[in-house]
């Protein structure tokens, strides 16, 4: 257990950040699943738009690496482009 006041504060702040980061990463995964579950192209494009916006926001804030974000966006876009319009 920490003895210094600054170390105790660091424990509190790092826990808050951990939970915030975990929530963001979880939301990214959920949005990705939503895109991959899309059957129609127009629905997939709408879900893709939401997912890409949130992935960019998450990467900008440093919660995921920019290359990780780029990889996720590329996979989602490739999937949506492969869907057939109904």
N, C-alpha and C. Protein backbone atom coordinates (compact mmCIF):
# COMPACT_ATOMS: atom_id res chain seq x y z
N UNK A 1 0.85 -1.19 0.00
CA UNK A 1 0.00 0.00 0.00
C UNK A 1 0.89 1.24 0.00
N UNK A 2 0.40 2.28 -0.64
CA UNK A 2 1.17 3.51 -0.75
C UNK A 2 1.23 4.26 0.57
N UNK A 3 2.37 4.90 0.82
CA UNK A 3 2.54 5.66 2.05
C UNK A 3 2.49 7.16 1.81
N UNK A 4 2.93 7.61 0.63
CA UNK A 4 2.98 9.04 0.34
C UNK A 4 1.65 9.53 -0.19
N UNK A 5 1.37 10.78 0.10
CA UNK A 5 0.12 11.39 -0.34
C UNK A 5 0.01 11.37 -1.86
N UNK A 6 1.11 11.66 -2.54
CA UNK A 6 1.09 11.69 -4.01
C UNK A 6 0.87 10.30 -4.59
N UNK A 7 1.40 9.28 -3.93
CA UNK A 7 1.21 7.91 -4.41
C UNK A 7 -0.24 7.47 -4.24
N UNK A 8 -0.86 7.90 -3.15
CA UNK A 8 -2.28 7.58 -2.93
C UNK A 8 -3.14 8.25 -3.99
N UNK A 9 -2.80 9.50 -4.31
CA UNK A 9 -3.55 10.20 -5.35
C UNK A 9 -3.34 9.52 -6.70
N UNK A 10 -2.13 9.09 -6.97
CA UNK A 10 -1.83 8.41 -8.24
C UNK A 10 -2.67 7.14 -8.36
N UNK A 11 -2.86 6.43 -7.29
CA UNK A 11 -3.68 5.21 -7.30
C UNK A 11 -5.12 5.56 -7.66
N UNK A 12 -5.64 6.63 -7.05
CA UNK A 12 -7.02 7.04 -7.33
C UNK A 12 -7.19 7.48 -8.79
N UNK A 13 -6.28 8.31 -9.27
CA UNK A 13 -6.42 8.81 -10.64
C UNK A 13 -6.22 7.70 -11.68
N UNK A 14 -5.27 6.81 -11.43
CA UNK A 14 -5.03 5.75 -12.40
C UNK A 14 -6.22 4.79 -12.47
N UNK A 15 -6.89 4.59 -11.37
CA UNK A 15 -8.09 3.74 -11.37
C UNK A 15 -9.21 4.39 -12.17
N UNK A 16 -9.40 5.69 -12.00
CA UNK A 16 -10.42 6.41 -12.79
C UNK A 16 -10.11 6.30 -14.27
N UNK A 17 -8.85 6.50 -14.64
CA UNK A 17 -8.46 6.44 -16.04
C UNK A 17 -8.61 5.03 -16.60
N UNK A 18 -8.28 4.04 -15.79
CA UNK A 18 -8.41 2.64 -16.22
C UNK A 18 -9.86 2.32 -16.57
N UNK A 19 -10.77 2.75 -15.71
CA UNK A 19 -12.19 2.49 -15.95
C UNK A 19 -12.69 3.23 -17.18
N UNK A 20 -12.22 4.47 -17.36
CA UNK A 20 -12.63 5.26 -18.52
C UNK A 20 -12.11 4.62 -19.80
N UNK A 21 -10.84 4.19 -19.78
CA UNK A 21 -10.25 3.54 -20.95
C UNK A 21 -10.97 2.24 -21.28
N UNK A 22 -11.28 1.48 -20.23
CA UNK A 22 -11.94 0.19 -20.40
C UNK A 22 -13.33 0.39 -21.04
N UNK A 23 -14.04 1.42 -20.61
CA UNK A 23 -15.37 1.70 -21.17
C UNK A 23 -15.27 2.06 -22.64
N UNK A 24 -14.28 2.85 -23.00
CA UNK A 24 -14.11 3.26 -24.40
C UNK A 24 -13.78 2.06 -25.28
N UNK A 25 -12.86 1.23 -24.82
CA UNK A 25 -12.45 0.07 -25.60
C UNK A 25 -13.61 -0.90 -25.76
N UNK A 26 -14.41 -1.05 -24.71
CA UNK A 26 -15.57 -1.92 -24.75
C UNK A 26 -16.58 -1.39 -25.77
N UNK A 27 -16.77 -0.08 -25.81
CA UNK A 27 -17.71 0.52 -26.76
C UNK A 27 -17.22 0.33 -28.19
N UNK A 28 -15.93 0.43 -28.41
CA UNK A 28 -15.36 0.20 -29.74
C UNK A 28 -15.70 -1.22 -30.19
N UNK A 29 -15.51 -2.18 -29.30
CA UNK A 29 -15.79 -3.57 -29.64
C UNK A 29 -17.27 -3.77 -29.97
N UNK A 30 -18.14 -3.14 -29.19
CA UNK A 30 -19.58 -3.25 -29.41
C UNK A 30 -19.97 -2.67 -30.76
N UNK A 31 -19.42 -1.49 -31.08
CA UNK A 31 -19.73 -0.87 -32.37
C UNK A 31 -19.21 -1.70 -33.53
N UNK A 32 -18.06 -2.34 -33.34
CA UNK A 32 -17.52 -3.20 -34.40
C UNK A 32 -18.43 -4.41 -34.62
N UNK A 33 -18.91 -5.01 -33.54
CA UNK A 33 -19.82 -6.14 -33.67
C UNK A 33 -21.09 -5.73 -34.40
N UNK A 34 -21.55 -4.53 -34.11
CA UNK A 34 -22.76 -4.01 -34.75
C UNK A 34 -22.56 -3.91 -36.26
N UNK A 35 -21.39 -3.47 -36.68
CA UNK A 35 -21.10 -3.38 -38.12
C UNK A 35 -21.03 -4.77 -38.72
N UNK A 36 -20.32 -5.69 -38.08
CA UNK A 36 -20.16 -7.03 -38.62
C UNK A 36 -21.47 -7.82 -38.65
N UNK A 37 -22.43 -7.43 -37.82
CA UNK A 37 -23.73 -8.09 -37.82
C UNK A 37 -24.68 -7.52 -38.87
N UNK A 38 -24.28 -6.46 -39.56
CA UNK A 38 -25.12 -5.83 -40.57
C UNK A 38 -25.28 -6.75 -41.77
N UNK A 39 -26.52 -6.86 -42.27
CA UNK A 39 -26.80 -7.68 -43.44
C UNK A 39 -26.91 -6.83 -44.70
N UNK A 40 -27.43 -5.62 -44.56
CA UNK A 40 -27.65 -4.75 -45.70
C UNK A 40 -26.57 -3.68 -45.76
N UNK A 41 -26.25 -3.26 -46.97
CA UNK A 41 -25.16 -2.30 -47.16
C UNK A 41 -25.47 -0.94 -46.53
N UNK A 42 -26.70 -0.45 -46.71
CA UNK A 42 -27.02 0.88 -46.17
C UNK A 42 -27.00 0.89 -44.64
N UNK A 43 -27.44 -0.18 -44.02
CA UNK A 43 -27.38 -0.29 -42.55
C UNK A 43 -25.93 -0.38 -42.10
N UNK A 44 -25.16 -1.16 -42.84
CA UNK A 44 -23.74 -1.30 -42.54
C UNK A 44 -22.99 0.01 -42.64
N UNK A 45 -23.35 0.82 -43.64
CA UNK A 45 -22.68 2.12 -43.81
C UNK A 45 -22.99 3.07 -42.66
N UNK A 46 -24.24 3.03 -42.18
CA UNK A 46 -24.61 3.88 -41.03
C UNK A 46 -23.85 3.44 -39.78
N UNK A 47 -23.81 2.14 -39.56
CA UNK A 47 -23.08 1.62 -38.40
C UNK A 47 -21.59 1.90 -38.53
N UNK A 48 -21.07 1.81 -39.75
CA UNK A 48 -19.66 2.09 -40.00
C UNK A 48 -19.33 3.54 -39.65
N UNK A 49 -20.21 4.43 -40.03
CA UNK A 49 -20.00 5.87 -39.76
C UNK A 49 -19.88 6.12 -38.25
N UNK A 50 -20.77 5.52 -37.48
CA UNK A 50 -20.71 5.67 -36.02
C UNK A 50 -19.43 5.06 -35.46
N UNK A 51 -19.10 3.87 -35.93
CA UNK A 51 -17.93 3.17 -35.41
C UNK A 51 -16.65 3.93 -35.71
N UNK A 52 -16.51 4.41 -36.95
CA UNK A 52 -15.29 5.11 -37.34
C UNK A 52 -15.14 6.40 -36.53
N UNK A 53 -16.24 7.11 -36.33
CA UNK A 53 -16.18 8.35 -35.56
C UNK A 53 -15.70 8.08 -34.14
N UNK A 54 -16.23 7.03 -33.52
CA UNK A 54 -15.84 6.74 -32.14
C UNK A 54 -14.42 6.19 -32.07
N UNK A 55 -14.03 5.39 -33.04
CA UNK A 55 -12.66 4.86 -33.06
C UNK A 55 -11.67 6.01 -33.19
N UNK A 56 -11.96 6.97 -34.07
CA UNK A 56 -11.08 8.14 -34.22
C UNK A 56 -10.99 8.93 -32.92
N UNK A 57 -12.13 9.11 -32.27
CA UNK A 57 -12.15 9.86 -31.01
C UNK A 57 -11.33 9.14 -29.95
N UNK A 58 -11.46 7.83 -29.89
CA UNK A 58 -10.72 7.04 -28.91
C UNK A 58 -9.22 7.11 -29.17
N UNK A 59 -8.83 7.04 -30.44
CA UNK A 59 -7.41 7.11 -30.78
C UNK A 59 -6.84 8.49 -30.51
N UNK A 60 -7.63 9.52 -30.78
CA UNK A 60 -7.18 10.90 -30.53
C UNK A 60 -6.87 11.12 -29.06
N UNK A 61 -7.68 10.53 -28.21
CA UNK A 61 -7.49 10.69 -26.77
C UNK A 61 -6.42 9.75 -26.22
N UNK A 62 -5.86 8.90 -27.07
CA UNK A 62 -4.76 8.04 -26.65
C UNK A 62 -5.19 6.77 -25.95
N UNK A 63 -6.44 6.41 -26.07
CA UNK A 63 -6.91 5.20 -25.40
C UNK A 63 -6.57 3.95 -26.19
N UNK A 64 -6.46 4.11 -27.52
CA UNK A 64 -5.92 3.05 -28.35
C UNK A 64 -4.89 3.69 -29.28
N UNK A 65 -3.96 2.89 -29.78
CA UNK A 65 -2.91 3.41 -30.65
C UNK A 65 -3.49 3.76 -32.02
N UNK A 66 -2.92 4.75 -32.67
CA UNK A 66 -3.45 5.20 -33.95
C UNK A 66 -3.40 4.12 -35.02
N UNK A 67 -2.37 3.27 -34.98
CA UNK A 67 -2.29 2.18 -35.96
C UNK A 67 -3.35 1.12 -35.69
N UNK A 68 -3.64 0.89 -34.42
CA UNK A 68 -4.70 -0.03 -34.04
C UNK A 68 -6.04 0.49 -34.57
N UNK A 69 -6.26 1.79 -34.42
CA UNK A 69 -7.49 2.41 -34.91
C UNK A 69 -7.57 2.29 -36.43
N UNK A 70 -6.47 2.54 -37.11
CA UNK A 70 -6.46 2.46 -38.57
C UNK A 70 -6.76 1.04 -39.04
N UNK A 71 -6.21 0.06 -38.35
CA UNK A 71 -6.45 -1.34 -38.71
C UNK A 71 -7.92 -1.71 -38.54
N UNK A 72 -8.50 -1.28 -37.42
CA UNK A 72 -9.92 -1.57 -37.18
C UNK A 72 -10.80 -0.92 -38.24
N UNK A 73 -10.52 0.33 -38.57
CA UNK A 73 -11.32 1.04 -39.57
C UNK A 73 -11.19 0.37 -40.93
N UNK A 74 -9.99 -0.08 -41.28
CA UNK A 74 -9.78 -0.74 -42.57
C UNK A 74 -10.58 -2.04 -42.65
N UNK A 75 -10.57 -2.81 -41.59
CA UNK A 75 -11.31 -4.08 -41.58
C UNK A 75 -12.82 -3.83 -41.71
N UNK A 76 -13.31 -2.83 -40.97
CA UNK A 76 -14.74 -2.53 -41.03
C UNK A 76 -15.14 -2.05 -42.42
N UNK A 77 -14.32 -1.17 -43.00
CA UNK A 77 -14.62 -0.63 -44.33
C UNK A 77 -14.61 -1.73 -45.38
N UNK A 78 -13.63 -2.61 -45.29
CA UNK A 78 -13.54 -3.73 -46.23
C UNK A 78 -14.78 -4.62 -46.14
N UNK A 79 -15.24 -4.86 -44.92
CA UNK A 79 -16.43 -5.68 -44.72
C UNK A 79 -17.66 -5.02 -45.34
N UNK A 80 -17.84 -3.73 -45.06
CA UNK A 80 -19.02 -3.01 -45.55
C UNK A 80 -19.00 -2.91 -47.08
N UNK A 81 -17.82 -2.70 -47.65
CA UNK A 81 -17.72 -2.63 -49.11
C UNK A 81 -18.06 -3.96 -49.77
N UNK A 82 -17.90 -5.05 -49.04
CA UNK A 82 -18.21 -6.37 -49.57
C UNK A 82 -19.69 -6.74 -49.46
N UNK A 83 -20.45 -5.96 -48.71
CA UNK A 83 -21.88 -6.24 -48.57
C UNK A 83 -22.62 -5.91 -49.86
N UNK A 84 -23.69 -6.66 -50.11
CA UNK A 84 -24.51 -6.39 -51.27
C UNK A 84 -25.65 -5.47 -50.91
N UNK A 85 -25.96 -4.54 -51.79
CA UNK A 85 -27.09 -3.62 -51.56
C UNK A 85 -28.39 -4.37 -51.79
N UNK A 86 -29.33 -4.19 -50.85
CA UNK A 86 -30.62 -4.88 -51.01
C UNK A 86 -31.72 -3.86 -51.19
